[in-house]
Amino acid sequence: MEFFCYHRDRTGSLPLRRELAESHWSYMDRYTAELIARGPTFAADGETPTGSVHIVGLPDPAAARAFAHDEPNHQAGVYRDVLLRRWRNLLGRTMWDFPGGPTGDDRYLVLGLGPVPSTVLTLPGTTDDLIAFGPLLSDDGTRWLGTTALVRAPDPHTARTVLGPHAETEVHAWEFGGRR
């Protein structure tokens, strides 16, 4: 099963996040084979972390909850909350398989919550700029609760257009994660 995990930083937690960077990376290293995508989100300044995205294949929802809640930054209080949902990889690849590579151009996390009724989830016409794309699902995988995409785009407005209509849509600057 695939899961989307988005930890959102607590205001003022940057010093603690920096202190725990090695612990976070070591924890994620344990999941190298299971990770589909990972990386931090940033504030408008492009420098201040605001969260951490992990898309991961795990055996079941209990394993996903353990993954999200045992993470060192979560345990230490860096994050204010975590969004954890079943997910389906509609591209069938990892971020490391993205033909555009990890550098150049801006990248974004686009998170759409509450799809508009009668809307059907479809991939955009072209997937050249999609790094990851898929529906957010209920725990049992039967209900579509939203959509998430990691996308290469020239600006946040363009990034937002990859999703169909949703009750609420967020766009966050994002970059490929892992050890620097």
C-alpha atoms as a PDB file:
ATOM      1  CA  MET A   1       0.000   0.000   0.000  1.00  0.00           C
ATOM      2  CA  GLU A   2       1.153   3.528  -0.695  1.00  0.00           C
ATOM      3  CA  PHE A   3       0.798   6.415   1.735  1.00  0.00           C
ATOM      4  CA  PHE A   4       1.201  10.196   1.529  1.00  0.00           C
ATOM      5  CA  CYS A   5       2.647  11.763   4.677  1.00  0.00           C
ATOM      6  CA  TYR A   6       2.970  15.541   5.132  1.00  0.00           C
ATOM      7  CA  HIS A   7       4.388  16.776   8.415  1.00  0.00           C
ATOM      8  CA  ARG A   8       3.818  20.526   8.862  1.00  0.00           C
ATOM      9  CA  ASP A   9       6.360  22.446  10.931  1.00  0.00           C
ATOM     10  CA  ARG A  10       5.427  24.146  14.165  1.00  0.00           C
ATOM     11  CA  THR A  11       6.189  27.887  14.231  1.00  0.00           C
ATOM     12  CA  GLY A  12       9.612  28.519  15.720  1.00  0.00           C
ATOM     13  CA  SER A  13      10.840  24.927  15.397  1.00  0.00           C
ATOM     14  CA  LEU A  14      13.649  25.583  12.898  1.00  0.00           C
ATOM     15  CA  PRO A  15      16.503  25.372  15.467  1.00  0.00           C
ATOM     16  CA  LEU A  16      15.197  22.004  16.672  1.00  0.00           C
ATOM     17  CA  ARG A  17      14.758  20.818  13.066  1.00  0.00           C
ATOM     18  CA  ARG A  18      18.391  21.702  12.331  1.00  0.00           C
ATOM     19  CA  GLU A  19      19.566  19.952  15.495  1.00  0.00           C
ATOM     20  CA  LEU A  20      17.729  16.772  14.480  1.00  0.00           C
ATOM     21  CA  ALA A  21      18.669  16.746  10.782  1.00  0.00           C
ATOM     22  CA  GLU A  22      20.994  13.749  11.053  1.00  0.00           C
ATOM     23  CA  SER A  23      18.456  11.808  13.148  1.00  0.00           C
ATOM     24  CA  HIS A  24      15.757  12.525  10.560  1.00  0.00           C
ATOM     25  CA  TRP A  25      17.946  11.421   7.645  1.00  0.00           C
ATOM     26  CA  SER A  26      19.104   8.289   9.475  1.00  0.00           C
ATOM     27  CA  TYR A  27      15.483   7.394  10.180  1.00  0.00           C
ATOM     28  CA  MET A  28      14.554   7.897   6.514  1.00  0.00           C
ATOM     29  CA  ASP A  29      17.567   5.842   5.408  1.00  0.00           C
ATOM     30  CA  ARG A  30      15.804   2.850   6.987  1.00  0.00           C
ATOM     31  CA  TYR A  31      13.009   3.313   4.406  1.00  0.00           C
ATOM     32  CA  THR A  32      15.119   3.866   1.278  1.00  0.00           C
ATOM     33  CA  ALA A  33      13.569   0.926  -0.579  1.00  0.00           C
ATOM     34  CA  GLU A  34      10.012   1.981   0.330  1.00  0.00           C
ATOM     35  CA  LEU A  35      10.226   5.702  -0.504  1.00  0.00           C
ATOM     36  CA  ILE A  36       8.488   6.942  -3.646  1.00  0.00           C
ATOM     37  CA  ALA A  37       9.207  10.619  -2.971  1.00  0.00           C
ATOM     38  CA  ARG A  38      10.500  12.812  -0.170  1.00  0.00           C
ATOM     39  CA  GLY A  39      11.520  16.369   0.480  1.00  0.00           C
ATOM     40  CA  PRO A  40      10.943  19.575   2.419  1.00  0.00           C
ATOM     41  CA  THR A  41       8.461  22.334   1.702  1.00  0.00           C
ATOM     42  CA  PHE A  42       9.439  25.983   2.128  1.00  0.00           C
ATOM     43  CA  ALA A  43       7.990  29.376   3.015  1.00  0.00           C
ATOM     44  CA  ALA A  44       7.723  32.133   0.413  1.00  0.00           C
ATOM     45  CA  ASP A  45      11.363  33.099   1.082  1.00  0.00           C
ATOM     46  CA  GLY A  46      12.420  29.745  -0.403  1.00  0.00           C
ATOM     47  CA  GLU A  47      14.735  29.113   2.543  1.00  0.00           C
ATOM     48  CA  THR A  48      12.642  28.486   5.659  1.00  0.00           C
ATOM     49  CA  PRO A  49      11.343  24.898   5.907  1.00  0.00           C
ATOM     50  CA  THR A  50       7.603  24.596   6.540  1.00  0.00           C
ATOM     51  CA  GLY A  51       7.121  20.854   6.349  1.00  0.00           C
ATOM     52  CA  SER A  52       8.313  17.497   5.126  1.00  0.00           C
ATOM     53  CA  VAL A  53       6.715  15.272   2.456  1.00  0.00           C
ATOM     54  CA  HIS A  54       7.159  11.510   2.336  1.00  0.00           C
ATOM     55  CA  ILE A  55       5.369   9.179  -0.045  1.00  0.00           C
ATOM     56  CA  VAL A  56       6.071   5.627   0.989  1.00  0.00           C
ATOM     57  CA  GLY A  57       4.994   2.064   0.288  1.00  0.00           C
ATOM     58  CA  LEU A  58       4.239   0.175   3.512  1.00  0.00           C
ATOM     59  CA  PRO A  59       2.315  -3.012   4.359  1.00  0.00           C
ATOM     60  CA  ASP A  60      -0.712  -1.410   6.035  1.00  0.00           C
ATOM     61  CA  PRO A  61      -2.148   1.690   7.759  1.00  0.00           C
ATOM     62  CA  ALA A  62      -0.652   0.682  11.126  1.00  0.00           C
ATOM     63  CA  ALA A  63       2.838   0.618   9.609  1.00  0.00           C
ATOM     64  CA  ALA A  64       2.172   4.019   7.999  1.00  0.00           C
ATOM     65  CA  ARG A  65       1.070   5.513  11.330  1.00  0.00           C
ATOM     66  CA  ALA A  66       4.209   4.138  12.991  1.00  0.00           C
ATOM     67  CA  PHE A  67       6.343   5.589  10.167  1.00  0.00           C
ATOM     68  CA  ALA A  68       4.763   9.035  10.584  1.00  0.00           C
ATOM     69  CA  HIS A  69       4.672   9.168  14.373  1.00  0.00           C
ATOM     70  CA  ASP A  70       8.029   7.534  15.167  1.00  0.00           C
ATOM     71  CA  GLU A  71       9.910   9.993  12.946  1.00  0.00           C
ATOM     72  CA  PRO A  72      12.420  11.896  15.173  1.00  0.00           C
ATOM     73  CA  ASN A  73      11.213  15.406  14.281  1.00  0.00           C
ATOM     74  CA  HIS A  74       7.646  14.376  15.055  1.00  0.00           C
ATOM     75  CA  GLN A  75       8.700  12.821  18.357  1.00  0.00           C
ATOM     76  CA  ALA A  76      10.621  15.979  19.360  1.00  0.00           C
ATOM     77  CA  GLY A  77       7.819  18.434  18.513  1.00  0.00           C
ATOM     78  CA  VAL A  78       9.199  19.992  15.323  1.00  0.00           C
ATOM     79  CA  TYR A  79       5.877  19.371  13.591  1.00  0.00           C
ATOM     80  CA  ARG A  80       2.504  20.839  14.523  1.00  0.00           C
ATOM     81  CA  ASP A  81       0.543  18.138  12.706  1.00  0.00           C
ATOM     82  CA  VAL A  82       0.726  15.374  10.177  1.00  0.00           C
ATOM     83  CA  LEU A  83      -1.537  14.571   7.230  1.00  0.00           C
ATOM     84  CA  LEU A  84      -1.389  10.848   6.571  1.00  0.00           C
ATOM     85  CA  ARG A  85      -3.539   9.289   3.835  1.00  0.00           C
ATOM     86  CA  ARG A  86      -3.570   6.246   1.615  1.00  0.00           C
ATOM     87  CA  TRP A  87      -2.330   7.210  -1.812  1.00  0.00           C
ATOM     88  CA  ARG A  88      -2.165   5.678  -5.265  1.00  0.00           C
ATOM     89  CA  ASN A  89       0.854   6.215  -7.516  1.00  0.00           C
ATOM     90  CA  LEU A  90      -0.765   7.039 -10.859  1.00  0.00           C
ATOM     91  CA  LEU A  91       2.613   7.619 -12.518  1.00  0.00           C
ATOM     92  CA  GLY A  92       4.022   4.269 -11.426  1.00  0.00           C
ATOM     93  CA  ARG A  93       7.472   5.676 -10.699  1.00  0.00           C
ATOM     94  CA  THR A  94       9.532   7.256  -7.944  1.00  0.00           C
ATOM     95  CA  MET A  95      10.836  10.807  -7.890  1.00  0.00           C
ATOM     96  CA  TRP A  96      14.272   9.409  -8.750  1.00  0.00           C
ATOM     97  CA  ASP A  97      12.798   8.186 -12.044  1.00  0.00           C
ATOM     98  CA  PHE A  98      11.518  11.672 -12.951  1.00  0.00           C
ATOM     99  CA  PRO A  99      13.096  12.504 -16.339  1.00  0.00           C
ATOM    100  CA  GLY A 100      13.606  16.161 -15.321  1.00  0.00           C
ATOM    101  CA  GLY A 101      15.965  15.210 -12.500  1.00  0.00           C
ATOM    102  CA  PRO A 102      16.293  16.813  -9.077  1.00  0.00           C
ATOM    103  CA  THR A 103      17.622  20.261 -10.028  1.00  0.00           C
ATOM    104  CA  GLY A 104      16.643  23.219 -12.171  1.00  0.00           C
ATOM    105  CA  ASP A 105      13.263  24.937 -12.350  1.00  0.00           C
ATOM    106  CA  ASP A 106      10.937  25.354  -9.403  1.00  0.00           C
ATOM    107  CA  ARG A 107       9.120  22.431  -7.851  1.00  0.00           C
ATOM    108  CA  TYR A 108       5.933  22.430  -5.816  1.00  0.00           C
ATOM    109  CA  LEU A 109       3.734  20.281  -3.637  1.00  0.00           C
ATOM    110  CA  VAL A 110       0.132  20.792  -4.725  1.00  0.00           C
ATOM    111  CA  LEU A 111      -2.387  19.454  -2.247  1.00  0.00           C
ATOM    112  CA  GLY A 112      -6.093  19.421  -3.101  1.00  0.00           C
ATOM    113  CA  LEU A 113      -8.523  18.471  -0.342  1.00  0.00           C
ATOM    114  CA  GLY A 114     -12.200  17.702  -0.812  1.00  0.00           C
ATOM    115  CA  PRO A 115     -12.686  16.953  -4.500  1.00  0.00           C
ATOM    116  CA  VAL A 116     -15.771  18.566  -5.974  1.00  0.00           C
ATOM    117  CA  PRO A 117     -18.610  15.995  -6.278  1.00  0.00           C
ATOM    118  CA  SER A 118     -19.048  14.459  -9.728  1.00  0.00           C
ATOM    119  CA  THR A 119     -15.422  15.262 -10.577  1.00  0.00           C
ATOM    120  CA  VAL A 120     -13.393  12.371 -11.947  1.00  0.00           C
ATOM    121  CA  LEU A 121      -9.688  12.120 -11.142  1.00  0.00           C
ATOM    122  CA  THR A 122      -7.604  12.077 -14.294  1.00  0.00           C
ATOM    123  CA  LEU A 123      -3.979  12.725 -15.075  1.00  0.00           C
ATOM    124  CA  PRO A 124      -3.297  16.088 -16.703  1.00  0.00           C
ATOM    125  CA  GLY A 125      -2.900  16.052 -20.483  1.00  0.00           C
ATOM    126  CA  THR A 126       0.871  15.896 -20.207  1.00  0.00           C
ATOM    127  CA  THR A 127       2.867  14.292 -17.420  1.00  0.00           C
ATOM    128  CA  ASP A 128       6.260  15.717 -18.433  1.00  0.00           C
ATOM    129  CA  ASP A 129       6.362  18.017 -15.386  1.00  0.00           C
ATOM    130  CA  LEU A 130       4.817  15.608 -12.879  1.00  0.00           C
ATOM    131  CA  ILE A 131       7.198  14.144 -10.345  1.00  0.00           C
ATOM    132  CA  ALA A 132       4.468  12.335  -8.378  1.00  0.00           C
ATOM    133  CA  PHE A 133       0.683  12.356  -8.779  1.00  0.00           C
ATOM    134  CA  GLY A 134      -2.148  10.478  -7.138  1.00  0.00           C
ATOM    135  CA  PRO A 135      -5.337  10.488  -5.108  1.00  0.00           C
ATOM    136  CA  LEU A 136      -5.528  10.800  -1.337  1.00  0.00           C
ATOM    137  CA  LEU A 137      -7.793   7.989  -0.152  1.00  0.00           C
ATOM    138  CA  SER A 138      -9.678   6.890   2.946  1.00  0.00           C
ATOM    139  CA  ASP A 139      -7.941   4.306   5.160  1.00  0.00           C
ATOM    140  CA  ASP A 140      -9.781   1.469   3.427  1.00  0.00           C
ATOM    141  CA  GLY A 141      -8.876   2.890   0.005  1.00  0.00           C
ATOM    142  CA  THR A 142     -12.489   3.241  -1.167  1.00  0.00           C
ATOM    143  CA  ARG A 143     -13.138   7.011  -0.943  1.00  0.00           C
ATOM    144  CA  TRP A 144     -11.322   9.757  -2.823  1.00  0.00           C
ATOM    145  CA  LEU A 145     -10.544  12.532  -0.312  1.00  0.00           C
ATOM    146  CA  GLY A 146      -8.190  14.694  -2.341  1.00  0.00           C
ATOM    147  CA  THR A 147      -5.273  14.728  -4.720  1.00  0.00           C
ATOM    148  CA  THR A 148      -1.592  15.467  -4.376  1.00  0.00           C
ATOM    149  CA  ALA A 149       1.087  16.236  -6.921  1.00  0.00           C
ATOM    150  CA  LEU A 150       4.758  17.043  -6.877  1.00  0.00           C
ATOM    151  CA  VAL A 151       5.275  19.146  -9.970  1.00  0.00           C
ATOM    152  CA  ARG A 152       7.874  21.172 -11.832  1.00  0.00           C
ATOM    153  CA  ALA A 153       6.373  24.548 -12.746  1.00  0.00           C
ATOM    154  CA  PRO A 154       7.485  28.142 -13.368  1.00  0.00           C
ATOM    155  CA  ASP A 155       5.313  29.518 -10.538  1.00  0.00           C
ATOM    156  CA  PRO A 156       2.752  28.503  -7.880  1.00  0.00           C
ATOM    157  CA  HIS A 157      -0.245  29.495 -10.027  1.00  0.00           C
ATOM    158  CA  THR A 158       0.844  27.207 -12.865  1.00  0.00           C
ATOM    159  CA  ALA A 159       1.546  24.412 -10.373  1.00  0.00           C
ATOM    160  CA  ARG A 160      -1.998  24.737  -8.973  1.00  0.00           C
ATOM    161  CA  THR A 161      -3.513  24.034 -12.404  1.00  0.00           C
ATOM    162  CA  VAL A 162      -2.390  20.368 -12.412  1.00  0.00           C
ATOM    163  CA  LEU A 163      -5.270  19.442 -10.103  1.00  0.00           C
ATOM    164  CA  GLY A 164      -8.938  19.444 -10.931  1.00  0.00           C
ATOM    165  CA  PRO A 165     -11.431  21.280  -8.729  1.00  0.00           C
ATOM    166  CA  HIS A 166     -11.167  20.767  -4.968  1.00  0.00           C
ATOM    167  CA  ALA A 167     -12.779  22.501  -2.000  1.00  0.00           C
ATOM    168  CA  GLU A 168      -9.338  23.661  -0.871  1.00  0.00           C
ATOM    169  CA  THR A 169      -5.989  23.702  -2.664  1.00  0.00           C
ATOM    170  CA  GLU A 170      -2.579  24.442  -1.163  1.00  0.00           C
ATOM    171  CA  VAL A 171       0.647  25.051  -3.056  1.00  0.00           C
ATOM    172  CA  HIS A 172       4.012  24.847  -1.313  1.00  0.00           C
ATOM    173  CA  ALA A 173       7.534  25.295  -2.670  1.00  0.00           C
ATOM    174  CA  TRP A 174       9.176  21.856  -2.508  1.00  0.00           C
ATOM    175  CA  GLU A 175      12.496  20.270  -3.351  1.00  0.00           C
ATOM    176  CA  PHE A 176      13.849  16.742  -3.774  1.00  0.00           C
ATOM    177  CA  GLY A 177      14.806  15.464  -0.346  1.00  0.00           C
ATOM    178  CA  GLY A 178      17.592  13.412   1.075  1.00  0.00           C
ATOM    179  CA  ARG A 179      21.041  14.051   2.393  1.00  0.00           C
ATOM    180  CA  ARG A 180      22.737  17.149   1.038  1.00  0.00           C
END
